[in-house]
Amino acid sequence: MIENRSLGSKAFDVFNLIILISLTLLSLLPLWYTLMVALSEKEAVQAGIVSVYPIGFNLYSFDAILSDSGFFKAFWVSIQRVVLGAAFTMLVLSLAAYPLSRTSRQFPGRNLLMWAFIFCLLFNGGLIPWFITMRNYNLMDSIWGLVLSGGIPIFNMILITNFIKNLPEELEEAAKIDGAGPWRVLYQVLLPLLKPVLATVLLFTMVGHWNEFFQGMVLSTQMDSYPLQTYIQQLVVSASLENLANLSLEELDRATKLNNGSLNAAKIFVAIIPVMLIYPFLQRYFVKGITLGSVKG
């Protein structure tokens, strides 16, 4: 079938294309500006004259981060935290959301347990009790302290619970008629259908573990146990007399060409690269997972 396109229809398509390209450029502009600041010389950053291109192009800020062996140790800690934390969270959320998606007749303790989760979502015990608890369980300077410290993300659990409620009940009934028990229903029937919401929650979880730095500051007493965000949060340009006296001529020259503005920009850019690499593979599930898991019709 040949479609006749009027001049107005073509103009409307061009207008939409211009709007979409403009929005894309506006979204990328902050990231581009951050990169330009990281690549610019110290004086230009301090004067605030960096715009859409670097002034005095250099890689001193990235070299200051990547040349430090502690950076790669912190990177490895964050990788472990993201992998273990995401696996633990997805396991716990799946096991919690399935029974909570049943009715109070099918699961008598459902309402009481759900109210307990909602209460924990609205209120928490505070920072000091949390720290004392983590210390008493010997989770200081431990990767498991970073993995388990977040507990169960209640909001994500509610998304998965409501998503399961929107699935046809006949699927579970048919599986039970064929002899499937609750565990088989969950892992062979429901989980394959939960890909959109699980991918969405997985993205939330991974980004949350990757970007979180405060727990690393509280639970880690040694630099070797810092996650990446905590590690780069501690990186500053130090120019004290004692430090300068211990530097070689090459290190001294590099230190004089650095400032916190360009170094912080390099931190931000390096930290977001893993998320940028992962997001395209999960974004196609994002909108569907949020909309189907947010309400129960």
C-alpha atoms as a PDB file:
ATOM      1  CA  MET A   1       0.000   0.000   0.000  1.00  0.00           C
ATOM      2  CA  ILE A   2       1.377   3.388  -1.068  1.00  0.00           C
ATOM      3  CA  GLU A   3       0.779   6.160   1.409  1.00  0.00           C
ATOM      4  CA  ASN A   4       0.300   9.682   0.082  1.00  0.00           C
ATOM      5  CA  ARG A   5       2.194  12.120   2.285  1.00  0.00           C
ATOM      6  CA  SER A   6       1.025  15.707   2.262  1.00  0.00           C
ATOM      7  CA  LEU A   7       3.375  18.648   2.687  1.00  0.00           C
ATOM      8  CA  GLY A   8       1.942  19.300   6.154  1.00  0.00           C
ATOM      9  CA  SER A   9       2.585  15.688   7.229  1.00  0.00           C
ATOM     10  CA  LYS A  10       6.187  15.847   6.048  1.00  0.00           C
ATOM     11  CA  ALA A  11       6.699  19.175   7.816  1.00  0.00           C
ATOM     12  CA  PHE A  12       5.273  17.683  11.002  1.00  0.00           C
ATOM     13  CA  ASP A  13       7.762  14.777  10.799  1.00  0.00           C
ATOM     14  CA  VAL A  14      10.642  17.215  10.314  1.00  0.00           C
ATOM     15  CA  PHE A  15       9.443  19.267  13.281  1.00  0.00           C
ATOM     16  CA  ASN A  16       9.281  16.133  15.468  1.00  0.00           C
ATOM     17  CA  LEU A  17      12.767  15.133  14.347  1.00  0.00           C
ATOM     18  CA  ILE A  18      14.158  18.547  15.265  1.00  0.00           C
ATOM     19  CA  ILE A  19      12.510  18.399  18.699  1.00  0.00           C
ATOM     20  CA  LEU A  20      13.854  14.892  19.398  1.00  0.00           C
ATOM     21  CA  ILE A  21      17.381  15.819  18.281  1.00  0.00           C
ATOM     22  CA  SER A  22      17.264  18.957  20.445  1.00  0.00           C
ATOM     23  CA  LEU A  23      16.140  16.985  23.503  1.00  0.00           C
ATOM     24  CA  THR A  24      18.881  14.427  22.888  1.00  0.00           C
ATOM     25  CA  LEU A  25      21.524  17.147  22.692  1.00  0.00           C
ATOM     26  CA  LEU A  26      20.204  18.812  25.851  1.00  0.00           C
ATOM     27  CA  SER A  27      20.403  15.468  27.664  1.00  0.00           C
ATOM     28  CA  LEU A  28      23.973  14.880  26.527  1.00  0.00           C
ATOM     29  CA  LEU A  29      25.162  18.448  27.168  1.00  0.00           C
ATOM     30  CA  PRO A  30      25.846  18.027  30.940  1.00  0.00           C
ATOM     31  CA  LEU A  31      27.852  14.861  30.295  1.00  0.00           C
ATOM     32  CA  TRP A  32      29.787  16.551  27.498  1.00  0.00           C
ATOM     33  CA  TYR A  33      30.502  19.617  29.641  1.00  0.00           C
ATOM     34  CA  THR A  34      31.767  17.400  32.459  1.00  0.00           C
ATOM     35  CA  LEU A  35      34.154  15.691  30.054  1.00  0.00           C
ATOM     36  CA  MET A  36      35.388  19.038  28.721  1.00  0.00           C
ATOM     37  CA  VAL A  37      36.102  20.274  32.246  1.00  0.00           C
ATOM     38  CA  ALA A  38      38.042  17.103  33.000  1.00  0.00           C
ATOM     39  CA  LEU A  39      40.144  17.612  29.851  1.00  0.00           C
ATOM     40  CA  SER A  40      40.860  21.317  30.389  1.00  0.00           C
ATOM     41  CA  GLU A  41      43.791  22.991  32.071  1.00  0.00           C
ATOM     42  CA  LYS A  42      43.709  24.161  35.666  1.00  0.00           C
ATOM     43  CA  GLU A  43      43.539  27.904  34.950  1.00  0.00           C
ATOM     44  CA  ALA A  44      40.608  27.584  32.527  1.00  0.00           C
ATOM     45  CA  VAL A  45      38.593  25.508  34.995  1.00  0.00           C
ATOM     46  CA  GLN A  46      39.256  27.956  37.817  1.00  0.00           C
ATOM     47  CA  ALA A  47      38.261  30.899  35.596  1.00  0.00           C
ATOM     48  CA  GLY A  48      35.038  29.122  34.563  1.00  0.00           C
ATOM     49  CA  ILE A  49      35.600  29.696  30.846  1.00  0.00           C
ATOM     50  CA  VAL A  50      35.279  26.062  29.726  1.00  0.00           C
ATOM     51  CA  SER A  51      32.240  25.534  27.490  1.00  0.00           C
ATOM     52  CA  VAL A  52      31.722  23.000  24.705  1.00  0.00           C
ATOM     53  CA  TYR A  53      35.394  22.335  23.972  1.00  0.00           C
ATOM     54  CA  PRO A  54      38.432  21.803  26.214  1.00  0.00           C
ATOM     55  CA  ILE A  55      40.836  24.641  26.862  1.00  0.00           C
ATOM     56  CA  GLY A  56      44.433  23.526  27.192  1.00  0.00           C
ATOM     57  CA  PHE A  57      43.666  19.885  26.436  1.00  0.00           C
ATOM     58  CA  ASN A  58      45.316  17.454  28.853  1.00  0.00           C
ATOM     59  CA  LEU A  59      44.715  14.107  30.561  1.00  0.00           C
ATOM     60  CA  TYR A  60      46.203  14.986  33.950  1.00  0.00           C
ATOM     61  CA  SER A  61      42.941  14.417  35.855  1.00  0.00           C
ATOM     62  CA  PHE A  62      42.333  10.988  34.361  1.00  0.00           C
ATOM     63  CA  ASP A  63      45.983  10.089  34.828  1.00  0.00           C
ATOM     64  CA  ALA A  64      45.761  11.072  38.509  1.00  0.00           C
ATOM     65  CA  ILE A  65      42.878   8.639  38.968  1.00  0.00           C
ATOM     66  CA  LEU A  66      43.950   5.749  36.753  1.00  0.00           C
ATOM     67  CA  SER A  67      47.614   5.741  37.714  1.00  0.00           C
ATOM     68  CA  ASP A  68      46.746   4.960  41.328  1.00  0.00           C
ATOM     69  CA  SER A  69      46.622   1.239  42.129  1.00  0.00           C
ATOM     70  CA  GLY A  70      44.071   2.012  44.839  1.00  0.00           C
ATOM     71  CA  PHE A  71      41.630   3.029  42.112  1.00  0.00           C
ATOM     72  CA  PHE A  72      41.601  -0.463  40.626  1.00  0.00           C
ATOM     73  CA  LYS A  73      41.237  -2.051  44.063  1.00  0.00           C
ATOM     74  CA  ALA A  74      38.206   0.153  44.728  1.00  0.00           C
ATOM     75  CA  PHE A  75      36.855  -0.645  41.265  1.00  0.00           C
ATOM     76  CA  TRP A  76      37.091  -4.374  42.014  1.00  0.00           C
ATOM     77  CA  VAL A  77      35.322  -3.883  45.361  1.00  0.00           C
ATOM     78  CA  SER A  78      32.479  -2.093  43.581  1.00  0.00           C
ATOM     79  CA  ILE A  79      32.241  -4.833  40.954  1.00  0.00           C
ATOM     80  CA  GLN A  80      31.911  -7.443  43.708  1.00  0.00           C
ATOM     81  CA  ARG A  81      29.375  -5.297  45.515  1.00  0.00           C
ATOM     82  CA  VAL A  82      27.217  -4.823  42.427  1.00  0.00           C
ATOM     83  CA  VAL A  83      27.289  -8.502  41.403  1.00  0.00           C
ATOM     84  CA  LEU A  84      26.716  -9.947  44.881  1.00  0.00           C
ATOM     85  CA  GLY A  85      24.278  -7.220  45.894  1.00  0.00           C
ATOM     86  CA  ALA A  86      22.192  -7.557  42.750  1.00  0.00           C
ATOM     87  CA  ALA A  87      22.059 -11.363  43.060  1.00  0.00           C
ATOM     88  CA  PHE A  88      21.105 -11.205  46.731  1.00  0.00           C
ATOM     89  CA  THR A  89      18.482  -8.508  46.207  1.00  0.00           C
ATOM     90  CA  MET A  90      16.821 -10.230  43.250  1.00  0.00           C
ATOM     91  CA  LEU A  91      16.673 -13.528  45.154  1.00  0.00           C
ATOM     92  CA  VAL A  92      15.171 -11.969  48.273  1.00  0.00           C
ATOM     93  CA  LEU A  93      12.696  -9.801  46.353  1.00  0.00           C
ATOM     94  CA  SER A  94      11.463 -12.746  44.280  1.00  0.00           C
ATOM     95  CA  LEU A  95      10.941 -14.878  47.387  1.00  0.00           C
ATOM     96  CA  ALA A  96       9.139 -12.036  49.190  1.00  0.00           C
ATOM     97  CA  ALA A  97       6.995 -10.748  46.316  1.00  0.00           C
ATOM     98  CA  TYR A  98       5.466 -14.093  45.334  1.00  0.00           C
ATOM     99  CA  PRO A  99       3.689 -14.884  48.633  1.00  0.00           C
ATOM    100  CA  LEU A 100       2.747 -11.223  49.131  1.00  0.00           C
ATOM    101  CA  SER A 101       1.016 -11.228  45.747  1.00  0.00           C
ATOM    102  CA  ARG A 102      -1.405 -13.891  46.987  1.00  0.00           C
ATOM    103  CA  THR A 103      -4.669 -13.075  48.743  1.00  0.00           C
ATOM    104  CA  SER A 104      -5.062 -13.184  52.527  1.00  0.00           C
ATOM    105  CA  ARG A 105      -7.077 -16.385  52.080  1.00  0.00           C
ATOM    106  CA  GLN A 106      -4.203 -18.083  50.251  1.00  0.00           C
ATOM    107  CA  PHE A 107      -1.587 -16.630  52.623  1.00  0.00           C
ATOM    108  CA  PRO A 108      -3.146 -15.845  56.030  1.00  0.00           C
ATOM    109  CA  GLY A 109      -0.220 -13.752  57.270  1.00  0.00           C
ATOM    110  CA  ARG A 110      -0.065 -11.677  54.122  1.00  0.00           C
ATOM    111  CA  ASN A 111      -1.645  -8.430  55.407  1.00  0.00           C
ATOM    112  CA  LEU A 112       0.372  -8.364  58.628  1.00  0.00           C
ATOM    113  CA  LEU A 113       3.626  -8.960  56.782  1.00  0.00           C
ATOM    114  CA  MET A 114       2.827  -6.338  54.153  1.00  0.00           C
ATOM    115  CA  TRP A 115       2.068  -3.727  56.824  1.00  0.00           C
ATOM    116  CA  ALA A 116       5.397  -4.559  58.480  1.00  0.00           C
ATOM    117  CA  PHE A 117       7.197  -3.929  55.192  1.00  0.00           C
ATOM    118  CA  ILE A 118       5.294  -0.665  54.629  1.00  0.00           C
ATOM    119  CA  PHE A 119       6.196   0.496  58.133  1.00  0.00           C
ATOM    120  CA  CYS A 120       9.885  -0.197  57.416  1.00  0.00           C
ATOM    121  CA  LEU A 121       9.532   1.742  54.151  1.00  0.00           C
ATOM    122  CA  LEU A 122       8.227   4.812  55.979  1.00  0.00           C
ATOM    123  CA  PHE A 123      10.389   4.615  59.108  1.00  0.00           C
ATOM    124  CA  ASN A 124      13.840   3.313  59.957  1.00  0.00           C
ATOM    125  CA  GLY A 125      15.858   2.789  63.100  1.00  0.00           C
ATOM    126  CA  GLY A 126      18.350   5.567  62.389  1.00  0.00           C
ATOM    127  CA  LEU A 127      22.004   5.720  61.490  1.00  0.00           C
ATOM    128  CA  ILE A 128      23.514   4.916  64.896  1.00  0.00           C
ATOM    129  CA  PRO A 129      21.473   1.715  65.568  1.00  0.00           C
ATOM    130  CA  TRP A 130      22.216   0.607  62.010  1.00  0.00           C
ATOM    131  CA  PHE A 131      25.958   1.152  62.516  1.00  0.00           C
ATOM    132  CA  ILE A 132      25.941  -0.674  65.867  1.00  0.00           C
ATOM    133  CA  THR A 133      24.097  -3.593  64.292  1.00  0.00           C
ATOM    134  CA  MET A 134      26.569  -3.854  61.413  1.00  0.00           C
ATOM    135  CA  ARG A 135      29.512  -3.680  63.829  1.00  0.00           C
ATOM    136  CA  ASN A 136      28.058  -6.331  66.158  1.00  0.00           C
ATOM    137  CA  TYR A 137      27.666  -8.683  63.199  1.00  0.00           C
ATOM    138  CA  ASN A 138      31.359  -8.135  62.287  1.00  0.00           C
ATOM    139  CA  LEU A 139      30.481  -6.616  58.930  1.00  0.00           C
ATOM    140  CA  MET A 140      32.994  -3.756  59.130  1.00  0.00           C
ATOM    141  CA  ASP A 141      35.571  -3.765  56.305  1.00  0.00           C
ATOM    142  CA  SER A 142      33.671  -6.626  54.673  1.00  0.00           C
ATOM    143  CA  ILE A 143      32.158  -6.861  51.221  1.00  0.00           C
ATOM    144  CA  TRP A 144      29.137  -8.513  52.826  1.00  0.00           C
ATOM    145  CA  GLY A 145      28.574  -5.419  54.936  1.00  0.00           C
ATOM    146  CA  LEU A 146      28.201  -3.395  51.724  1.00  0.00           C
ATOM    147  CA  VAL A 147      26.006  -6.077  50.141  1.00  0.00           C
ATOM    148  CA  LEU A 148      23.655  -6.655  53.079  1.00  0.00           C
ATOM    149  CA  SER A 149      23.538  -3.154  54.550  1.00  0.00           C
ATOM    150  CA  GLY A 150      20.771  -1.994  52.222  1.00  0.00           C
ATOM    151  CA  GLY A 151      18.388  -4.701  53.377  1.00  0.00           C
ATOM    152  CA  ILE A 152      15.299  -5.245  51.227  1.00  0.00           C
ATOM    153  CA  PRO A 153      14.309  -2.335  48.926  1.00  0.00           C
ATOM    154  CA  ILE A 154      10.606  -2.225  49.778  1.00  0.00           C
ATOM    155  CA  PHE A 155       9.616  -0.044  46.834  1.00  0.00           C
ATOM    156  CA  ASN A 156      11.097  -2.542  44.375  1.00  0.00           C
ATOM    157  CA  MET A 157       9.369  -5.385  46.194  1.00  0.00           C
ATOM    158  CA  ILE A 158       6.022  -3.608  45.752  1.00  0.00           C
ATOM    159  CA  LEU A 159       6.708  -3.232  42.013  1.00  0.00           C
ATOM    160  CA  ILE A 160       7.315  -6.970  41.631  1.00  0.00           C
ATOM    161  CA  THR A 161       4.341  -7.841  43.838  1.00  0.00           C
ATOM    162  CA  ASN A 162       1.931  -5.736  41.785  1.00  0.00           C
ATOM    163  CA  PHE A 163       3.399  -7.070  38.563  1.00  0.00           C
ATOM    164  CA  ILE A 164       2.676 -10.649  39.670  1.00  0.00           C
ATOM    165  CA  LYS A 165      -0.879  -9.622  40.589  1.00  0.00           C
ATOM    166  CA  ASN A 166      -1.418  -8.468  36.999  1.00  0.00           C
ATOM    167  CA  LEU A 167      -0.528 -11.883  35.583  1.00  0.00           C
ATOM    168  CA  PRO A 168      -3.464 -14.192  34.760  1.00  0.00           C
ATOM    169  CA  GLU A 169      -4.287 -16.450  37.701  1.00  0.00           C
ATOM    170  CA  GLU A 170      -5.107 -19.231  35.248  1.00  0.00           C
ATOM    171  CA  LEU A 171      -1.378 -19.711  34.582  1.00  0.00           C
ATOM    172  CA  GLU A 172      -0.713 -20.710  38.174  1.00  0.00           C
ATOM    173  CA  GLU A 173      -3.882 -22.802  38.353  1.00  0.00           C
ATOM    174  CA  ALA A 174      -2.908 -24.714  35.193  1.00  0.00           C
ATOM    175  CA  ALA A 175       0.578 -25.374  36.586  1.00  0.00           C
ATOM    176  CA  LYS A 176      -0.858 -26.679  39.850  1.00  0.00           C
ATOM    177  CA  ILE A 177      -3.232 -28.974  37.964  1.00  0.00           C
ATOM    178  CA  ASP A 178      -0.184 -30.398  36.185  1.00  0.00           C
ATOM    179  CA  GLY A 179       1.374 -31.130  39.580  1.00  0.00           C
ATOM    180  CA  ALA A 180       3.650 -28.126  40.010  1.00  0.00           C
ATOM    181  CA  GLY A 181       4.337 -26.952  43.549  1.00  0.00           C
ATOM    182  CA  PRO A 182       4.929 -23.344  44.684  1.00  0.00           C
ATOM    183  CA  TRP A 183       8.676 -23.443  43.969  1.00  0.00           C
ATOM    184  CA  ARG A 184       8.179 -24.775  40.452  1.00  0.00           C
ATOM    185  CA  VAL A 185       5.404 -22.256  39.781  1.00  0.00           C
ATOM    186  CA  LEU A 186       7.688 -19.424  40.855  1.00  0.00           C
ATOM    187  CA  TYR A 187      10.832 -20.406  38.946  1.00  0.00           C
ATOM    188  CA  GLN A 188       9.370 -22.053  35.832  1.00  0.00           C
ATOM    189  CA  VAL A 189       6.108 -20.171  35.308  1.00  0.00           C
ATOM    190  CA  LEU A 190       6.264 -16.736  36.932  1.00  0.00           C
ATOM    191  CA  LEU A 191       9.932 -15.686  36.686  1.00  0.00           C
ATOM    192  CA  PRO A 192      10.088 -16.003  32.859  1.00  0.00           C
ATOM    193  CA  LEU A 193       7.068 -13.669  32.692  1.00  0.00           C
ATOM    194  CA  LEU A 194       8.646 -11.183  35.106  1.00  0.00           C
ATOM    195  CA  LYS A 195      11.506 -10.171  32.818  1.00  0.00           C
ATOM    196  CA  PRO A 196      10.345  -6.535  32.362  1.00  0.00           C
ATOM    197  CA  VAL A 197       9.971  -5.753  36.054  1.00  0.00           C
ATOM    198  CA  LEU A 198      12.998  -7.842  37.068  1.00  0.00           C
ATOM    199  CA  ALA A 199      15.154  -5.992  34.530  1.00  0.00           C
ATOM    200  CA  THR A 200      13.854  -2.676  35.866  1.00  0.00           C
ATOM    201  CA  VAL A 201      14.533  -3.612  39.479  1.00  0.00           C
ATOM    202  CA  LEU A 202      17.918  -5.040  38.504  1.00  0.00           C
ATOM    203  CA  LEU A 203      18.832  -1.698  36.932  1.00  0.00           C
ATOM    204  CA  PHE A 204      17.692   0.184  40.057  1.00  0.00           C
ATOM    205  CA  THR A 205      19.694  -2.167  42.262  1.00  0.00           C
ATOM    206  CA  MET A 206      22.893  -2.093  40.240  1.00  0.00           C
ATOM    207  CA  VAL A 207      22.875   1.690  39.899  1.00  0.00           C
ATOM    208  CA  GLY A 208      22.115   2.045  43.609  1.00  0.00           C
ATOM    209  CA  HIS A 209      25.014  -0.191  44.648  1.00  0.00           C
ATOM    210  CA  TRP A 210      27.373   1.430  42.167  1.00  0.00           C
ATOM    211  CA  ASN A 211      26.615   5.047  43.096  1.00  0.00           C
ATOM    212  CA  GLU A 212      26.350   4.615  46.876  1.00  0.00           C
ATOM    213  CA  PHE A 213      29.346   5.977  48.780  1.00  0.00           C
ATOM    214  CA  PHE A 214      28.161   6.840  52.307  1.00  0.00           C
ATOM    215  CA  GLN A 215      27.907   3.246  53.511  1.00  0.00           C
ATOM    216  CA  GLY A 216      31.460   2.666  52.302  1.00  0.00           C
ATOM    217  CA  MET A 217      32.624   5.633  54.391  1.00  0.00           C
ATOM    218  CA  VAL A 218      30.868   4.340  57.507  1.00  0.00           C
ATOM    219  CA  LEU A 219      31.584   0.610  57.197  1.00  0.00           C
ATOM    220  CA  SER A 220      35.129   0.795  55.829  1.00  0.00           C
ATOM    221  CA  THR A 221      38.052   1.790  58.034  1.00  0.00           C
ATOM    222  CA  GLN A 222      40.746   0.914  55.493  1.00  0.00           C
ATOM    223  CA  MET A 223      41.298   2.275  51.994  1.00  0.00           C
ATOM    224  CA  ASP A 224      41.583  -1.263  50.609  1.00  0.00           C
ATOM    225  CA  SER A 225      37.943  -1.965  51.471  1.00  0.00           C
ATOM    226  CA  TYR A 226      36.553   1.253  49.948  1.00  0.00           C
ATOM    227  CA  PRO A 227      34.130   0.873  47.028  1.00  0.00           C
ATOM    228  CA  LEU A 228      34.837   3.032  43.995  1.00  0.00           C
ATOM    229  CA  GLN A 229      32.464   5.898  44.817  1.00  0.00           C
ATOM    230  CA  THR A 230      33.834   6.187  48.342  1.00  0.00           C
ATOM    231  CA  TYR A 231      37.394   6.031  47.045  1.00  0.00           C
ATOM    232  CA  ILE A 232      37.022   8.796  44.462  1.00  0.00           C
ATOM    233  CA  GLN A 233      35.080  10.850  47.006  1.00  0.00           C
ATOM    234  CA  GLN A 234      38.284  10.928  49.063  1.00  0.00           C
ATOM    235  CA  LEU A 235      40.480  12.014  46.154  1.00  0.00           C
ATOM    236  CA  VAL A 236      41.432  15.665  46.472  1.00  0.00           C
ATOM    237  CA  VAL A 237      44.326  17.712  45.204  1.00  0.00           C
ATOM    238  CA  SER A 238      46.664  18.091  48.157  1.00  0.00           C
ATOM    239  CA  ALA A 239      49.308  20.788  48.102  1.00  0.00           C
ATOM    240  CA  SER A 240      50.574  20.825  51.668  1.00  0.00           C
ATOM    241  CA  LEU A 241      54.281  21.436  52.270  1.00  0.00           C
ATOM    242  CA  GLU A 242      54.782  17.951  53.709  1.00  0.00           C
ATOM    243  CA  ASN A 243      53.251  16.295  50.661  1.00  0.00           C
ATOM    244  CA  LEU A 244      55.165  18.469  48.227  1.00  0.00           C
ATOM    245  CA  ALA A 245      58.430  17.617  49.948  1.00  0.00           C
ATOM    246  CA  ASN A 246      57.881  13.893  49.331  1.00  0.00           C
ATOM    247  CA  LEU A 247      56.980  14.212  45.640  1.00  0.00           C
ATOM    248  CA  SER A 248      59.281  13.598  42.711  1.00  0.00           C
ATOM    249  CA  LEU A 249      59.777  16.322  40.111  1.00  0.00           C
ATOM    250  CA  GLU A 250      57.370  14.579  37.731  1.00  0.00           C
ATOM    251  CA  GLU A 251      54.718  14.145  40.423  1.00  0.00           C
ATOM    252  CA  LEU A 252      55.223  17.732  41.567  1.00  0.00           C
ATOM    253  CA  ASP A 253      54.722  19.015  38.024  1.00  0.00           C
ATOM    254  CA  ARG A 254      51.540  16.982  37.673  1.00  0.00           C
ATOM    255  CA  ALA A 255      50.194  18.141  41.061  1.00  0.00           C
ATOM    256  CA  THR A 256      50.621  21.787  40.107  1.00  0.00           C
ATOM    257  CA  LYS A 257      48.540  21.217  36.966  1.00  0.00           C
ATOM    258  CA  LEU A 258      45.590  19.676  38.822  1.00  0.00           C
ATOM    259  CA  ASN A 259      42.686  21.266  40.651  1.00  0.00           C
ATOM    260  CA  ASN A 260      39.621  19.877  42.365  1.00  0.00           C
ATOM    261  CA  GLY A 261      37.277  21.101  39.630  1.00  0.00           C
ATOM    262  CA  SER A 262      38.832  19.064  36.834  1.00  0.00           C
ATOM    263  CA  LEU A 263      39.535  16.134  39.149  1.00  0.00           C
ATOM    264  CA  ASN A 264      35.911  16.008  40.315  1.00  0.00           C
ATOM    265  CA  ALA A 265      34.728  16.141  36.696  1.00  0.00           C
ATOM    266  CA  ALA A 266      36.996  13.202  35.872  1.00  0.00           C
ATOM    267  CA  LYS A 267      35.605  11.318  38.878  1.00  0.00           C
ATOM    268  CA  ILE A 268      32.034  11.811  37.698  1.00  0.00           C
ATOM    269  CA  PHE A 269      32.796  10.765  34.132  1.00  0.00           C
ATOM    270  CA  VAL A 270      34.715   7.639  35.114  1.00  0.00           C
ATOM    271  CA  ALA A 271      32.020   6.627  37.607  1.00  0.00           C
ATOM    272  CA  ILE A 272      29.142   6.779  35.130  1.00  0.00           C
ATOM    273  CA  ILE A 273      30.813   4.775  32.343  1.00  0.00           C
ATOM    274  CA  PRO A 274      29.753   1.309  33.679  1.00  0.00           C
ATOM    275  CA  VAL A 275      26.140   2.460  34.075  1.00  0.00           C
ATOM    276  CA  MET A 276      26.152   3.870  30.547  1.00  0.00           C
ATOM    277  CA  LEU A 277      27.367   0.520  29.230  1.00  0.00           C
ATOM    278  CA  ILE A 278      24.702  -1.495  31.078  1.00  0.00           C
ATOM    279  CA  TYR A 279      21.660   0.737  30.626  1.00  0.00           C
ATOM    280  CA  PRO A 280      21.127   0.182  26.849  1.00  0.00           C
ATOM    281  CA  PHE A 281      20.666  -3.552  27.433  1.00  0.00           C
ATOM    282  CA  LEU A 282      17.996  -3.036  30.120  1.00  0.00           C
ATOM    283  CA  GLN A 283      16.224   0.156  29.029  1.00  0.00           C
ATOM    284  CA  ARG A 284      13.783  -1.640  26.704  1.00  0.00           C
ATOM    285  CA  TYR A 285      12.227  -3.285  29.773  1.00  0.00           C
ATOM    286  CA  PHE A 286      12.244  -0.089  31.836  1.00  0.00           C
ATOM    287  CA  VAL A 287       8.940   1.604  30.920  1.00  0.00           C
ATOM    288  CA  LYS A 288       6.975  -1.652  30.751  1.00  0.00           C
ATOM    289  CA  GLY A 289       8.308  -2.798  34.115  1.00  0.00           C
ATOM    290  CA  ILE A 290       7.413   0.464  35.823  1.00  0.00           C
ATOM    291  CA  THR A 291       3.908   0.859  34.352  1.00  0.00           C
ATOM    292  CA  LEU A 292       2.780  -2.721  34.842  1.00  0.00           C
ATOM    293  CA  GLY A 293       4.239  -2.969  38.335  1.00  0.00           C
ATOM    294  CA  SER A 294       3.091   0.393  39.668  1.00  0.00           C
ATOM    295  CA  VAL A 295      -0.683  -0.174  39.874  1.00  0.00           C
ATOM    296  CA  LYS A 296      -3.074  -3.051  40.292  1.00  0.00           C
ATOM    297  CA  GLY A 297      -6.245  -2.807  38.265  1.00  0.00           C
END
